[in-house]
Amino acid sequence: MTINRIQLLSLPVTDQDRARDFYVDVLGFDLLGDNPMGPERRWVQVAPKGADTSITLVTWFDTMPPGSVKGLVLETDDLDGDVADLTRRGVRIQGGVQEAPWGRFVTFDDPDGNGIVLQATTAHA
């Protein structure tokens, strides 16, 4: 096998504009594209700044209902600062900051109920 990276993850949403605004305006992702894809579809692609892997916000997969993705894991270098920013922006953090042997994390949902984990991994010596 010569697979060397994950390029794209499709994330099911109800409203692409609302989802785009959340990922760009609330999470600070870059908008990589928002283009027509036929008469009734759009290709909306976002990614964390400088990331190799991006997310496309999709509405057209019947087998992927909005809110069905759980465990989208995002890494941060400043968990406490990001949690404060998210809280100020109206994101409900579920259960506060959690401690684990590998680091610290919080969980929250996007506007459609897709579950996100924001974590700060502890460096291993």
PDB file of N, CA and C in Angstrom:
ATOM      1  N   MET A   1       0.841  -1.185   0.000  1.00  0.00           N
ATOM      2  CA  MET A   1       0.000   0.000   0.000  1.00  0.00           C
ATOM      3  C   MET A   1       0.884   1.246   0.000  1.00  0.00           C
ATOM      4  N   THR A   2       0.454   2.249  -0.734  1.00  0.00           N
ATOM      5  CA  THR A   2       1.211   3.496  -0.786  1.00  0.00           C
ATOM      6  C   THR A   2       0.398   4.685  -0.274  1.00  0.00           C
ATOM      7  N   ILE A   3      -0.621   4.409   0.532  1.00  0.00           N
ATOM      8  CA  ILE A   3      -1.424   5.484   1.121  1.00  0.00           C
ATOM      9  C   ILE A   3      -0.535   6.241   2.097  1.00  0.00           C
ATOM     10  N   ASN A   4      -0.523   7.575   1.978  1.00  0.00           N
ATOM     11  CA  ASN A   4       0.376   8.327   2.847  1.00  0.00           C
ATOM     12  C   ASN A   4      -0.281   9.460   3.625  1.00  0.00           C
ATOM     13  N   ARG A   5      -1.575   9.696   3.442  1.00  0.00           N
ATOM     14  CA  ARG A   5      -2.249  10.715   4.230  1.00  0.00           C
ATOM     15  C   ARG A   5      -3.751  10.650   4.018  1.00  0.00           C
ATOM     16  N   ILE A   6      -4.468  11.300   4.892  1.00  0.00           N
ATOM     17  CA  ILE A   6      -5.903  11.493   4.721  1.00  0.00           C
ATOM     18  C   ILE A   6      -6.075  12.867   4.108  1.00  0.00           C
ATOM     19  N   GLN A   7      -6.697  12.931   2.953  1.00  0.00           N
ATOM     20  CA  GLN A   7      -6.868  14.198   2.252  1.00  0.00           C
ATOM     21  C   GLN A   7      -8.116  14.937   2.708  1.00  0.00           C
ATOM     22  N   LEU A   8      -9.235  14.207   2.829  1.00  0.00           N
ATOM     23  CA  LEU A   8     -10.525  14.858   2.981  1.00  0.00           C
ATOM     24  C   LEU A   8     -11.467  13.994   3.798  1.00  0.00           C
ATOM     25  N   LEU A   9     -12.252  14.631   4.634  1.00  0.00           N
ATOM     26  CA  LEU A   9     -13.294  13.966   5.400  1.00  0.00           C
ATOM     27  C   LEU A   9     -14.612  14.636   5.041  1.00  0.00           C
ATOM     28  N   SER A  10     -15.622  13.855   4.688  1.00  0.00           N
ATOM     29  CA  SER A  10     -16.945  14.409   4.422  1.00  0.00           C
ATOM     30  C   SER A  10     -17.724  14.446   5.728  1.00  0.00           C
ATOM     31  N   LEU A  11     -18.257  15.609   6.061  1.00  0.00           N
ATOM     32  CA  LEU A  11     -18.998  15.806   7.299  1.00  0.00           C
ATOM     33  C   LEU A  11     -20.438  16.173   6.949  1.00  0.00           C
ATOM     34  N   PRO A  12     -21.416  15.357   7.378  1.00  0.00           N
ATOM     35  CA  PRO A  12     -22.805  15.615   6.999  1.00  0.00           C
ATOM     36  C   PRO A  12     -23.430  16.750   7.813  1.00  0.00           C
ATOM     37  N   VAL A  13     -24.016  17.704   7.087  1.00  0.00           N
ATOM     38  CA  VAL A  13     -24.652  18.859   7.715  1.00  0.00           C
ATOM     39  C   VAL A  13     -26.011  19.101   7.079  1.00  0.00           C
ATOM     40  N   THR A  14     -26.841  19.854   7.759  1.00  0.00           N
ATOM     41  CA  THR A  14     -28.160  20.210   7.243  1.00  0.00           C
ATOM     42  C   THR A  14     -28.093  21.441   6.363  1.00  0.00           C
ATOM     43  N   ASP A  15     -27.358  22.449   6.832  1.00  0.00           N
ATOM     44  CA  ASP A  15     -27.299  23.751   6.171  1.00  0.00           C
ATOM     45  C   ASP A  15     -25.825  24.106   5.967  1.00  0.00           C
ATOM     46  N   GLN A  16     -25.389  24.120   4.723  1.00  0.00           N
ATOM     47  CA  GLN A  16     -23.968  24.366   4.440  1.00  0.00           C
ATOM     48  C   GLN A  16     -23.523  25.766   4.849  1.00  0.00           C
ATOM     49  N   ASP A  17     -24.389  26.760   4.725  1.00  0.00           N
ATOM     50  CA  ASP A  17     -24.018  28.115   5.133  1.00  0.00           C
ATOM     51  C   ASP A  17     -23.787  28.182   6.640  1.00  0.00           C
ATOM     52  N   ARG A  18     -24.700  27.627   7.397  1.00  0.00           N
ATOM     53  CA  ARG A  18     -24.571  27.632   8.866  1.00  0.00           C
ATOM     54  C   ARG A  18     -23.332  26.863   9.295  1.00  0.00           C
ATOM     55  N   ALA A  19     -23.108  25.700   8.685  1.00  0.00           N
ATOM     56  CA  ALA A  19     -21.935  24.885   9.025  1.00  0.00           C
ATOM     57  C   ALA A  19     -20.647  25.600   8.636  1.00  0.00           C
ATOM     58  N   ARG A  20     -20.618  26.182   7.440  1.00  0.00           N
ATOM     59  CA  ARG A  20     -19.439  26.940   7.002  1.00  0.00           C
ATOM     60  C   ARG A  20     -19.133  28.059   7.987  1.00  0.00           C
ATOM     61  N   ASP A  21     -20.146  28.806   8.378  1.00  0.00           N
ATOM     62  CA  ASP A  21     -19.945  29.900   9.321  1.00  0.00           C
ATOM     63  C   ASP A  21     -19.416  29.405  10.658  1.00  0.00           C
ATOM     64  N   PHE A  22     -19.888  28.268  11.133  1.00  0.00           N
ATOM     65  CA  PHE A  22     -19.400  27.710  12.396  1.00  0.00           C
ATOM     66  C   PHE A  22     -17.930  27.327  12.280  1.00  0.00           C
ATOM     67  N   TYR A  23     -17.588  26.578  11.242  1.00  0.00           N
ATOM     68  CA  TYR A  23     -16.211  26.103  11.115  1.00  0.00           C
ATOM     69  C   TYR A  23     -15.232  27.241  10.815  1.00  0.00           C
ATOM     70  N   VAL A  24     -15.673  28.240  10.077  1.00  0.00           N
ATOM     71  CA  VAL A  24     -14.789  29.369   9.736  1.00  0.00           C
ATOM     72  C   VAL A  24     -14.800  30.433  10.837  1.00  0.00           C
ATOM     73  N   ASP A  25     -15.983  30.898  11.229  1.00  0.00           N
ATOM     74  CA  ASP A  25     -16.072  32.022  12.162  1.00  0.00           C
ATOM     75  C   ASP A  25     -15.888  31.629  13.619  1.00  0.00           C
ATOM     76  N   VAL A  26     -16.324  30.434  13.990  1.00  0.00           N
ATOM     77  CA  VAL A  26     -16.214  30.013  15.391  1.00  0.00           C
ATOM     78  C   VAL A  26     -14.926  29.231  15.633  1.00  0.00           C
ATOM     79  N   LEU A  27     -14.638  28.243  14.773  1.00  0.00           N
ATOM     80  CA  LEU A  27     -13.439  27.426  14.982  1.00  0.00           C
ATOM     81  C   LEU A  27     -12.192  28.014  14.335  1.00  0.00           C
ATOM     82  N   GLY A  28     -12.354  28.993  13.470  1.00  0.00           N
ATOM     83  CA  GLY A  28     -11.195  29.648  12.867  1.00  0.00           C
ATOM     84  C   GLY A  28     -10.576  28.908  11.699  1.00  0.00           C
ATOM     85  N   PHE A  29     -11.321  27.979  11.089  1.00  0.00           N
ATOM     86  CA  PHE A  29     -10.815  27.257   9.933  1.00  0.00           C
ATOM     87  C   PHE A  29     -10.729  28.198   8.731  1.00  0.00           C
ATOM     88  N   ASP A  30      -9.901  27.828   7.774  1.00  0.00           N
ATOM     89  CA  ASP A  30      -9.848  28.524   6.494  1.00  0.00           C
ATOM     90  C   ASP A  30     -10.932  27.968   5.581  1.00  0.00           C
ATOM     91  N   LEU A  31     -11.558  28.836   4.806  1.00  0.00           N
ATOM     92  CA  LEU A  31     -12.500  28.418   3.775  1.00  0.00           C
ATOM     93  C   LEU A  31     -11.685  28.154   2.513  1.00  0.00           C
ATOM     94  N   LEU A  32     -11.585  26.890   2.129  1.00  0.00           N
ATOM     95  CA  LEU A  32     -10.796  26.509   0.960  1.00  0.00           C
ATOM     96  C   LEU A  32     -11.595  26.571  -0.327  1.00  0.00           C
ATOM     97  N   GLY A  33     -12.909  26.438  -0.219  1.00  0.00           N
ATOM     98  CA  GLY A  33     -13.746  26.493  -1.410  1.00  0.00           C
ATOM     99  C   GLY A  33     -15.210  26.510  -1.054  1.00  0.00           C
ATOM    100  N   ASP A  34     -15.976  27.222  -1.852  1.00  0.00           N
ATOM    101  CA  ASP A  34     -17.432  27.253  -1.748  1.00  0.00           C
ATOM    102  C   ASP A  34     -17.929  27.463  -3.166  1.00  0.00           C
ATOM    103  N   ASN A  35     -18.115  26.340  -3.861  1.00  0.00           N
ATOM    104  CA  ASN A  35     -18.391  26.380  -5.291  1.00  0.00           C
ATOM    105  C   ASN A  35     -19.597  25.526  -5.663  1.00  0.00           C
ATOM    106  N   PRO A  36     -20.329  25.956  -6.707  1.00  0.00           N
ATOM    107  CA  PRO A  36     -21.437  25.141  -7.198  1.00  0.00           C
ATOM    108  C   PRO A  36     -20.926  23.783  -7.682  1.00  0.00           C
ATOM    109  N   MET A  37     -21.762  22.786  -7.476  1.00  0.00           N
ATOM    110  CA  MET A  37     -21.438  21.428  -7.904  1.00  0.00           C
ATOM    111  C   MET A  37     -22.671  20.855  -8.596  1.00  0.00           C
ATOM    112  N   GLY A  38     -23.132  21.544  -9.591  1.00  0.00           N
ATOM    113  CA  GLY A  38     -24.378  21.152 -10.236  1.00  0.00           C
ATOM    114  C   GLY A  38     -25.485  22.096  -9.800  1.00  0.00           C
ATOM    115  N   PRO A  39     -26.707  21.817 -10.251  1.00  0.00           N
ATOM    116  CA  PRO A  39     -27.795  22.764 -10.005  1.00  0.00           C
ATOM    117  C   PRO A  39     -28.214  22.902  -8.538  1.00  0.00           C
ATOM    118  N   GLU A  40     -28.052  21.878  -7.731  1.00  0.00           N
ATOM    119  CA  GLU A  40     -28.562  21.958  -6.361  1.00  0.00           C
ATOM    120  C   GLU A  40     -27.550  21.523  -5.319  1.00  0.00           C
ATOM    121  N   ARG A  41     -26.295  21.513  -5.671  1.00  0.00           N
ATOM    122  CA  ARG A  41     -25.254  21.105  -4.725  1.00  0.00           C
ATOM    123  C   ARG A  41     -24.114  22.105  -4.731  1.00  0.00           C
ATOM    124  N   ARG A  42     -23.447  22.174  -3.564  1.00  0.00           N
ATOM    125  CA  ARG A  42     -22.260  23.017  -3.437  1.00  0.00           C
ATOM    126  C   ARG A  42     -21.138  22.212  -2.811  1.00  0.00           C
ATOM    127  N   TRP A  43     -19.930  22.551  -3.191  1.00  0.00           N
ATOM    128  CA  TRP A  43     -18.726  21.973  -2.592  1.00  0.00           C
ATOM    129  C   TRP A  43     -18.190  23.024  -1.625  1.00  0.00           C
ATOM    130  N   VAL A  44     -18.375  22.771  -0.320  1.00  0.00           N
ATOM    131  CA  VAL A  44     -17.902  23.681   0.714  1.00  0.00           C
ATOM    132  C   VAL A  44     -16.802  22.952   1.472  1.00  0.00           C
ATOM    133  N   GLN A  45     -15.598  23.465   1.377  1.00  0.00           N
ATOM    134  CA  GLN A  45     -14.427  22.804   1.940  1.00  0.00           C
ATOM    135  C   GLN A  45     -13.712  23.742   2.906  1.00  0.00           C
ATOM    136  N   VAL A  46     -13.430  23.227   4.113  1.00  0.00           N
ATOM    137  CA  VAL A  46     -12.769  23.998   5.165  1.00  0.00           C
ATOM    138  C   VAL A  46     -11.629  23.177   5.742  1.00  0.00           C
ATOM    139  N   ALA A  47     -10.694  23.863   6.411  1.00  0.00           N
ATOM    140  CA  ALA A  47      -9.581  23.163   7.056  1.00  0.00           C
ATOM    141  C   ALA A  47      -8.966  24.062   8.118  1.00  0.00           C
ATOM    142  N   PRO A  48      -8.414  23.450   9.167  1.00  0.00           N
ATOM    143  CA  PRO A  48      -7.638  24.255  10.107  1.00  0.00           C
ATOM    144  C   PRO A  48      -6.467  24.906   9.362  1.00  0.00           C
ATOM    145  N   LYS A  49      -6.063  26.064   9.811  1.00  0.00           N
ATOM    146  CA  LYS A  49      -4.964  26.777   9.162  1.00  0.00           C
ATOM    147  C   LYS A  49      -3.723  25.900   9.069  1.00  0.00           C
ATOM    148  N   GLY A  50      -3.202  25.729   7.846  1.00  0.00           N
ATOM    149  CA  GLY A  50      -1.984  24.961   7.626  1.00  0.00           C
ATOM    150  C   GLY A  50      -2.137  23.454   7.638  1.00  0.00           C
ATOM    151  N   ALA A  51      -3.352  22.950   7.776  1.00  0.00           N
ATOM    152  CA  ALA A  51      -3.569  21.500   7.863  1.00  0.00           C
ATOM    153  C   ALA A  51      -3.493  20.840   6.491  1.00  0.00           C
ATOM    154  N   ASP A  52      -3.059  19.587   6.461  1.00  0.00           N
ATOM    155  CA  ASP A  52      -3.069  18.785   5.237  1.00  0.00           C
ATOM    156  C   ASP A  52      -4.453  18.207   4.953  1.00  0.00           C
ATOM    157  N   THR A  53      -5.174  17.853   6.001  1.00  0.00           N
ATOM    158  CA  THR A  53      -6.490  17.243   5.853  1.00  0.00           C
ATOM    159  C   THR A  53      -7.567  18.315   5.937  1.00  0.00           C
ATOM    160  N   SER A  54      -8.539  18.236   5.042  1.00  0.00           N
ATOM    161  CA  SER A  54      -9.635  19.198   5.060  1.00  0.00           C
ATOM    162  C   SER A  54     -10.966  18.465   5.205  1.00  0.00           C
ATOM    163  N   ILE A  55     -12.011  19.261   5.388  1.00  0.00           N
ATOM    164  CA  ILE A  55     -13.365  18.741   5.589  1.00  0.00           C
ATOM    165  C   ILE A  55     -14.260  19.341   4.521  1.00  0.00           C
ATOM    166  N   THR A  56     -15.090  18.519   3.914  1.00  0.00           N
ATOM    167  CA  THR A  56     -16.128  19.043   3.040  1.00  0.00           C
ATOM    168  C   THR A  56     -17.466  18.882   3.756  1.00  0.00           C
ATOM    169  N   LEU A  57     -18.237  19.925   3.753  1.00  0.00           N
ATOM    170  CA  LEU A  57     -19.522  19.968   4.445  1.00  0.00           C
ATOM    171  C   LEU A  57     -20.591  19.540   3.457  1.00  0.00           C
ATOM    172  N   VAL A  58     -21.100  18.326   3.629  1.00  0.00           N
ATOM    173  CA  VAL A  58     -21.968  17.702   2.620  1.00  0.00           C
ATOM    174  C   VAL A  58     -23.415  17.606   3.086  1.00  0.00           C
ATOM    175  N   THR A  59     -24.306  17.656   2.110  1.00  0.00           N
ATOM    176  CA  THR A  59     -25.741  17.515   2.371  1.00  0.00           C
ATOM    177  C   THR A  59     -26.361  16.401   1.538  1.00  0.00           C
ATOM    178  N   TRP A  60     -25.590  15.742   0.715  1.00  0.00           N
ATOM    179  CA  TRP A  60     -26.175  14.885  -0.317  1.00  0.00           C
ATOM    180  C   TRP A  60     -26.008  13.381  -0.105  1.00  0.00           C
ATOM    181  N   PHE A  61     -25.473  12.932   1.007  1.00  0.00           N
ATOM    182  CA  PHE A  61     -25.334  11.497   1.243  1.00  0.00           C
ATOM    183  C   PHE A  61     -26.461  11.011   2.142  1.00  0.00           C
ATOM    184  N   ASP A  62     -27.402  10.256   1.579  1.00  0.00           N
ATOM    185  CA  ASP A  62     -28.529   9.746   2.360  1.00  0.00           C
ATOM    186  C   ASP A  62     -28.073   8.838   3.502  1.00  0.00           C
ATOM    187  N   THR A  63     -26.956   8.163   3.320  1.00  0.00           N
ATOM    188  CA  THR A  63     -26.468   7.238   4.344  1.00  0.00           C
ATOM    189  C   THR A  63     -25.672   7.947   5.444  1.00  0.00           C
ATOM    190  N   MET A  64     -25.506   9.268   5.310  1.00  0.00           N
ATOM    191  CA  MET A  64     -24.777  10.056   6.303  1.00  0.00           C
ATOM    192  C   MET A  64     -25.685  11.176   6.799  1.00  0.00           C
ATOM    193  N   PRO A  65     -26.567  10.893   7.745  1.00  0.00           N
ATOM    194  CA  PRO A  65     -27.451  11.956   8.219  1.00  0.00           C
ATOM    195  C   PRO A  65     -26.676  13.004   9.021  1.00  0.00           C
ATOM    196  N   PRO A  66     -27.079  14.266   8.924  1.00  0.00           N
ATOM    197  CA  PRO A  66     -26.433  15.314   9.709  1.00  0.00           C
ATOM    198  C   PRO A  66     -26.409  14.942  11.192  1.00  0.00           C
ATOM    199  N   GLY A  67     -25.282  15.186  11.828  1.00  0.00           N
ATOM    200  CA  GLY A  67     -25.131  14.869  13.245  1.00  0.00           C
ATOM    201  C   GLY A  67     -24.667  13.459  13.520  1.00  0.00           C
ATOM    202  N   SER A  68     -24.415  12.665  12.494  1.00  0.00           N
ATOM    203  CA  SER A  68     -24.068  11.259  12.702  1.00  0.00           C
ATOM    204  C   SER A  68     -22.576  11.017  12.949  1.00  0.00           C
ATOM    205  N   VAL A  69     -21.752  12.030  12.720  1.00  0.00           N
ATOM    206  CA  VAL A  69     -20.314  11.853  12.952  1.00  0.00           C
ATOM    207  C   VAL A  69     -20.013  12.183  14.412  1.00  0.00           C
ATOM    208  N   LYS A  70     -19.342  11.285  15.074  1.00  0.00           N
ATOM    209  CA  LYS A  70     -18.932  11.485  16.466  1.00  0.00           C
ATOM    210  C   LYS A  70     -17.438  11.214  16.551  1.00  0.00           C
ATOM    211  N   GLY A  71     -16.730  12.047  17.275  1.00  0.00           N
ATOM    212  CA  GLY A  71     -15.307  11.806  17.481  1.00  0.00           C
ATOM    213  C   GLY A  71     -14.401  12.437  16.445  1.00  0.00           C
ATOM    214  N   LEU A  72     -14.806  13.553  15.847  1.00  0.00           N
ATOM    215  CA  LEU A  72     -13.896  14.315  15.005  1.00  0.00           C
ATOM    216  C   LEU A  72     -12.898  14.962  15.965  1.00  0.00           C
ATOM    217  N   VAL A  73     -11.642  14.570  15.893  1.00  0.00           N
ATOM    218  CA  VAL A  73     -10.645  15.007  16.867  1.00  0.00           C
ATOM    219  C   VAL A  73      -9.793  16.122  16.265  1.00  0.00           C
ATOM    220  N   LEU A  74      -9.761  17.246  16.955  1.00  0.00           N
ATOM    221  CA  LEU A  74      -8.963  18.400  16.569  1.00  0.00           C
ATOM    222  C   LEU A  74      -7.900  18.624  17.635  1.00  0.00           C
ATOM    223  N   GLU A  75      -6.686  18.909  17.220  1.00  0.00           N
ATOM    224  CA  GLU A  75      -5.572  19.125  18.139  1.00  0.00           C
ATOM    225  C   GLU A  75      -5.341  20.621  18.322  1.00  0.00           C
ATOM    226  N   THR A  76      -5.000  21.035  19.545  1.00  0.00           N
ATOM    227  CA  THR A  76      -4.694  22.427  19.839  1.00  0.00           C
ATOM    228  C   THR A  76      -3.445  22.520  20.705  1.00  0.00           C
ATOM    229  N   ASP A  77      -2.761  23.647  20.589  1.00  0.00           N
ATOM    230  CA  ASP A  77      -1.620  23.922  21.453  1.00  0.00           C
ATOM    231  C   ASP A  77      -2.033  24.738  22.671  1.00  0.00           C
ATOM    232  N   ASP A  78      -3.288  25.226  22.705  1.00  0.00           N
ATOM    233  CA  ASP A  78      -3.761  26.073  23.799  1.00  0.00           C
ATOM    234  C   ASP A  78      -5.201  25.714  24.133  1.00  0.00           C
ATOM    235  N   LEU A  79      -5.378  24.603  24.807  1.00  0.00           N
ATOM    236  CA  LEU A  79      -6.721  24.123  25.115  1.00  0.00           C
ATOM    237  C   LEU A  79      -7.490  25.142  25.954  1.00  0.00           C
ATOM    238  N   ASP A  80      -6.886  25.663  26.998  1.00  0.00           N
ATOM    239  CA  ASP A  80      -7.602  26.587  27.877  1.00  0.00           C
ATOM    240  C   ASP A  80      -8.014  27.854  27.132  1.00  0.00           C
ATOM    241  N   GLY A  81      -7.124  28.403  26.328  1.00  0.00           N
ATOM    242  CA  GLY A  81      -7.453  29.595  25.550  1.00  0.00           C
ATOM    243  C   GLY A  81      -8.539  29.330  24.533  1.00  0.00           C
ATOM    244  N   ASP A  82      -8.459  28.184  23.868  1.00  0.00           N
ATOM    245  CA  ASP A  82      -9.478  27.847  22.871  1.00  0.00           C
ATOM    246  C   ASP A  82     -10.830  27.590  23.523  1.00  0.00           C
ATOM    247  N   VAL A  83     -10.834  26.947  24.678  1.00  0.00           N
ATOM    248  CA  VAL A  83     -12.096  26.713  25.387  1.00  0.00           C
ATOM    249  C   VAL A  83     -12.722  28.047  25.783  1.00  0.00           C
ATOM    250  N   ALA A  84     -11.905  28.978  26.260  1.00  0.00           N
ATOM    251  CA  ALA A  84     -12.424  30.302  26.614  1.00  0.00           C
ATOM    252  C   ALA A  84     -13.013  30.991  25.385  1.00  0.00           C
ATOM    253  N   ASP A  85     -12.312  30.923  24.251  1.00  0.00           N
ATOM    254  CA  ASP A  85     -12.818  31.530  23.017  1.00  0.00           C
ATOM    255  C   ASP A  85     -14.123  30.874  22.561  1.00  0.00           C
ATOM    256  N   LEU A  86     -14.163  29.558  22.592  1.00  0.00           N
ATOM    257  CA  LEU A  86     -15.370  28.849  22.171  1.00  0.00           C
ATOM    258  C   LEU A  86     -16.553  29.204  23.059  1.00  0.00           C
ATOM    259  N   THR A  87     -16.317  29.260  24.357  1.00  0.00           N
ATOM    260  CA  THR A  87     -17.384  29.601  25.299  1.00  0.00           C
ATOM    261  C   THR A  87     -17.902  31.008  25.031  1.00  0.00           C
ATOM    262  N   ARG A  88     -16.995  31.957  24.793  1.00  0.00           N
ATOM    263  CA  ARG A  88     -17.405  33.331  24.462  1.00  0.00           C
ATOM    264  C   ARG A  88     -18.225  33.370  23.174  1.00  0.00           C
ATOM    265  N   ARG A  89     -17.972  32.446  22.280  1.00  0.00           N
ATOM    266  CA  ARG A  89     -18.683  32.412  21.001  1.00  0.00           C
ATOM    267  C   ARG A  89     -19.962  31.579  21.058  1.00  0.00           C
ATOM    268  N   GLY A  90     -20.327  31.136  22.263  1.00  0.00           N
ATOM    269  CA  GLY A  90     -21.599  30.453  22.453  1.00  0.00           C
ATOM    270  C   GLY A  90     -21.570  28.944  22.310  1.00  0.00           C
ATOM    271  N   VAL A  91     -20.390  28.345  22.195  1.00  0.00           N
ATOM    272  CA  VAL A  91     -20.297  26.890  22.091  1.00  0.00           C
ATOM    273  C   VAL A  91     -20.429  26.295  23.486  1.00  0.00           C
ATOM    274  N   ARG A  92     -21.297  25.299  23.618  1.00  0.00           N
ATOM    275  CA  ARG A  92     -21.501  24.624  24.904  1.00  0.00           C
ATOM    276  C   ARG A  92     -20.513  23.468  25.022  1.00  0.00           C
ATOM    277  N   ILE A  93     -19.562  23.621  25.936  1.00  0.00           N
ATOM    278  CA  ILE A  93     -18.578  22.568  26.207  1.00  0.00           C
ATOM    279  C   ILE A  93     -19.234  21.561  27.134  1.00  0.00           C
ATOM    280  N   GLN A  94     -19.199  20.291  26.755  1.00  0.00           N
ATOM    281  CA  GLN A  94     -19.878  19.250  27.515  1.00  0.00           C
ATOM    282  C   GLN A  94     -18.946  18.658  28.580  1.00  0.00           C
ATOM    283  N   GLY A  95     -19.218  18.962  29.854  1.00  0.00           N
ATOM    284  CA  GLY A  95     -18.473  18.339  30.941  1.00  0.00           C
ATOM    285  C   GLY A  95     -17.149  19.010  31.287  1.00  0.00           C
ATOM    286  N   GLY A  96     -16.842  20.140  30.688  1.00  0.00           N
ATOM    287  CA  GLY A  96     -15.603  20.835  31.015  1.00  0.00           C
ATOM    288  C   GLY A  96     -14.365  20.104  30.522  1.00  0.00           C
ATOM    289  N   VAL A  97     -13.227  20.586  30.950  1.00  0.00           N
ATOM    290  CA  VAL A  97     -11.950  19.994  30.537  1.00  0.00           C
ATOM    291  C   VAL A  97     -11.765  18.654  31.248  1.00  0.00           C
ATOM    292  N   GLN A  98     -11.449  17.643  30.468  1.00  0.00           N
ATOM    293  CA  GLN A  98     -11.218  16.292  30.985  1.00  0.00           C
ATOM    294  C   GLN A  98      -9.722  15.980  30.946  1.00  0.00           C
ATOM    295  N   GLU A  99      -9.269  15.224  31.926  1.00  0.00           N
ATOM    296  CA  GLU A  99      -7.863  14.803  31.991  1.00  0.00           C
ATOM    297  C   GLU A  99      -7.773  13.331  31.584  1.00  0.00           C
ATOM    298  N   ALA A 100      -6.747  13.002  30.827  1.00  0.00           N
ATOM    299  CA  ALA A 100      -6.496  11.618  30.415  1.00  0.00           C
ATOM    300  C   ALA A 100      -4.987  11.383  30.482  1.00  0.00           C
ATOM    301  N   PRO A 101      -4.550  10.136  30.512  1.00  0.00           N
ATOM    302  CA  PRO A 101      -3.105   9.870  30.575  1.00  0.00           C
ATOM    303  C   PRO A 101      -2.337  10.473  29.397  1.00  0.00           C
ATOM    304  N   TRP A 102      -2.978  10.656  28.275  1.00  0.00           N
ATOM    305  CA  TRP A 102      -2.319  11.156  27.070  1.00  0.00           C
ATOM    306  C   TRP A 102      -2.445  12.662  26.878  1.00  0.00           C
ATOM    307  N   GLY A 103      -3.260  13.327  27.734  1.00  0.00           N
ATOM    308  CA  GLY A 103      -3.428  14.764  27.601  1.00  0.00           C
ATOM    309  C   GLY A 103      -4.753  15.243  28.172  1.00  0.00           C
ATOM    310  N   ARG A 104      -5.230  16.380  27.681  1.00  0.00           N
ATOM    311  CA  ARG A 104      -6.473  16.985  28.148  1.00  0.00           C
ATOM    312  C   ARG A 104      -7.377  17.232  26.938  1.00  0.00           C
ATOM    313  N   PHE A 105      -8.706  17.255  27.190  1.00  0.00           N
ATOM    314  CA  PHE A 105      -9.630  17.436  26.074  1.00  0.00           C
ATOM    315  C   PHE A 105     -10.973  17.972  26.548  1.00  0.00           C
ATOM    316  N   VAL A 106     -11.735  18.485  25.597  1.00  0.00           N
ATOM    317  CA  VAL A 106     -13.137  18.846  25.802  1.00  0.00           C
ATOM    318  C   VAL A 106     -13.931  18.287  24.629  1.00  0.00           C
ATOM    319  N   THR A 107     -15.233  18.185  24.832  1.00  0.00           N
ATOM    320  CA  THR A 107     -16.106  17.755  23.744  1.00  0.00           C
ATOM    321  C   THR A 107     -17.224  18.780  23.570  1.00  0.00           C
ATOM    322  N   PHE A 108     -17.657  18.922  22.326  1.00  0.00           N
ATOM    323  CA  PHE A 108     -18.765  19.795  21.990  1.00  0.00           C
ATOM    324  C   PHE A 108     -19.309  19.356  20.643  1.00  0.00           C
ATOM    325  N   ASP A 109     -20.434  19.923  20.266  1.00  0.00           N
ATOM    326  CA  ASP A 109     -21.080  19.583  18.997  1.00  0.00           C
ATOM    327  C   ASP A 109     -21.069  20.778  18.060  1.00  0.00           C
ATOM    328  N   ASP A 110     -21.052  20.475  16.763  1.00  0.00           N
ATOM    329  CA  ASP A 110     -21.267  21.532  15.779  1.00  0.00           C
ATOM    330  C   ASP A 110     -22.779  21.801  15.717  1.00  0.00           C
ATOM    331  N   PRO A 111     -23.244  22.754  14.932  1.00  0.00           N
ATOM    332  CA  PRO A 111     -24.677  23.076  14.915  1.00  0.00           C
ATOM    333  C   PRO A 111     -25.598  21.918  14.532  1.00  0.00           C
ATOM    334  N   ASP A 112     -25.067  20.897  13.854  1.00  0.00           N
ATOM    335  CA  ASP A 112     -25.888  19.750  13.475  1.00  0.00           C
ATOM    336  C   ASP A 112     -25.806  18.594  14.457  1.00  0.00           C
ATOM    337  N   GLY A 113     -24.960  18.699  15.464  1.00  0.00           N
ATOM    338  CA  GLY A 113     -24.808  17.625  16.435  1.00  0.00           C
ATOM    339  C   GLY A 113     -23.658  16.681  16.148  1.00  0.00           C
ATOM    340  N   ASN A 114     -22.833  16.986  15.142  1.00  0.00           N
ATOM    341  CA  ASN A 114     -21.622  16.194  14.931  1.00  0.00           C
ATOM    342  C   ASN A 114     -20.697  16.441  16.120  1.00  0.00           C
ATOM    343  N   GLY A 115     -20.193  15.353  16.714  1.00  0.00           N
ATOM    344  CA  GLY A 115     -19.406  15.456  17.937  1.00  0.00           C
ATOM    345  C   GLY A 115     -17.942  15.747  17.669  1.00  0.00           C
ATOM    346  N   ILE A 116     -17.415  16.757  18.352  1.00  0.00           N
ATOM    347  CA  ILE A 116     -16.032  17.179  18.171  1.00  0.00           C
ATOM    348  C   ILE A 116     -15.285  17.030  19.486  1.00  0.00           C
ATOM    349  N   VAL A 117     -14.060  16.537  19.394  1.00  0.00           N
ATOM    350  CA  VAL A 117     -13.144  16.470  20.524  1.00  0.00           C
ATOM    351  C   VAL A 117     -12.020  17.453  20.235  1.00  0.00           C
ATOM    352  N   LEU A 118     -11.807  18.391  21.129  1.00  0.00           N
ATOM    353  CA  LEU A 118     -10.685  19.320  21.027  1.00  0.00           C
ATOM    354  C   LEU A 118      -9.693  18.901  22.096  1.00  0.00           C
ATOM    355  N   GLN A 119      -8.491  18.544  21.664  1.00  0.00           N
ATOM    356  CA  GLN A 119      -7.534  17.973  22.624  1.00  0.00           C
ATOM    357  C   GLN A 119      -6.183  18.644  22.541  1.00  0.00           C
ATOM    358  N   ALA A 120      -5.479  18.554  23.657  1.00  0.00           N
ATOM    359  CA  ALA A 120      -4.076  18.968  23.747  1.00  0.00           C
ATOM    360  C   ALA A 120      -3.315  17.735  24.221  1.00  0.00           C
ATOM    361  N   THR A 121      -2.593  17.129  23.317  1.00  0.00           N
ATOM    362  CA  THR A 121      -1.868  15.905  23.620  1.00  0.00           C
ATOM    363  C   THR A 121      -0.584  16.244  24.383  1.00  0.00           C
ATOM    364  N   THR A 122      -0.335  15.493  25.430  1.00  0.00           N
ATOM    365  CA  THR A 122       0.895  15.671  26.201  1.00  0.00           C
ATOM    366  C   THR A 122       2.056  15.107  25.418  1.00  0.00           C
ATOM    367  N   ALA A 123       3.122  15.873  25.329  1.00  0.00           N
ATOM    368  CA  ALA A 123       4.327  15.393  24.633  1.00  0.00           C
ATOM    369  C   ALA A 123       4.925  14.237  25.427  1.00  0.00           C
ATOM    370  N   HIS A 124       5.355  13.227  24.721  1.00  0.00           N
ATOM    371  CA  HIS A 124       5.973  12.068  25.359  1.00  0.00           C
ATOM    372  C   HIS A 124       7.479  12.273  25.402  1.00  0.00           C
ATOM    373  N   ALA A 125       8.065  12.008  26.552  1.00  0.00           N
ATOM    374  CA  ALA A 125       9.514  12.191  26.698  1.00  0.00           C
ATOM    375  C   ALA A 125      10.269  11.048  26.066  1.00  0.00           C
TER     376      ALA A 125
END
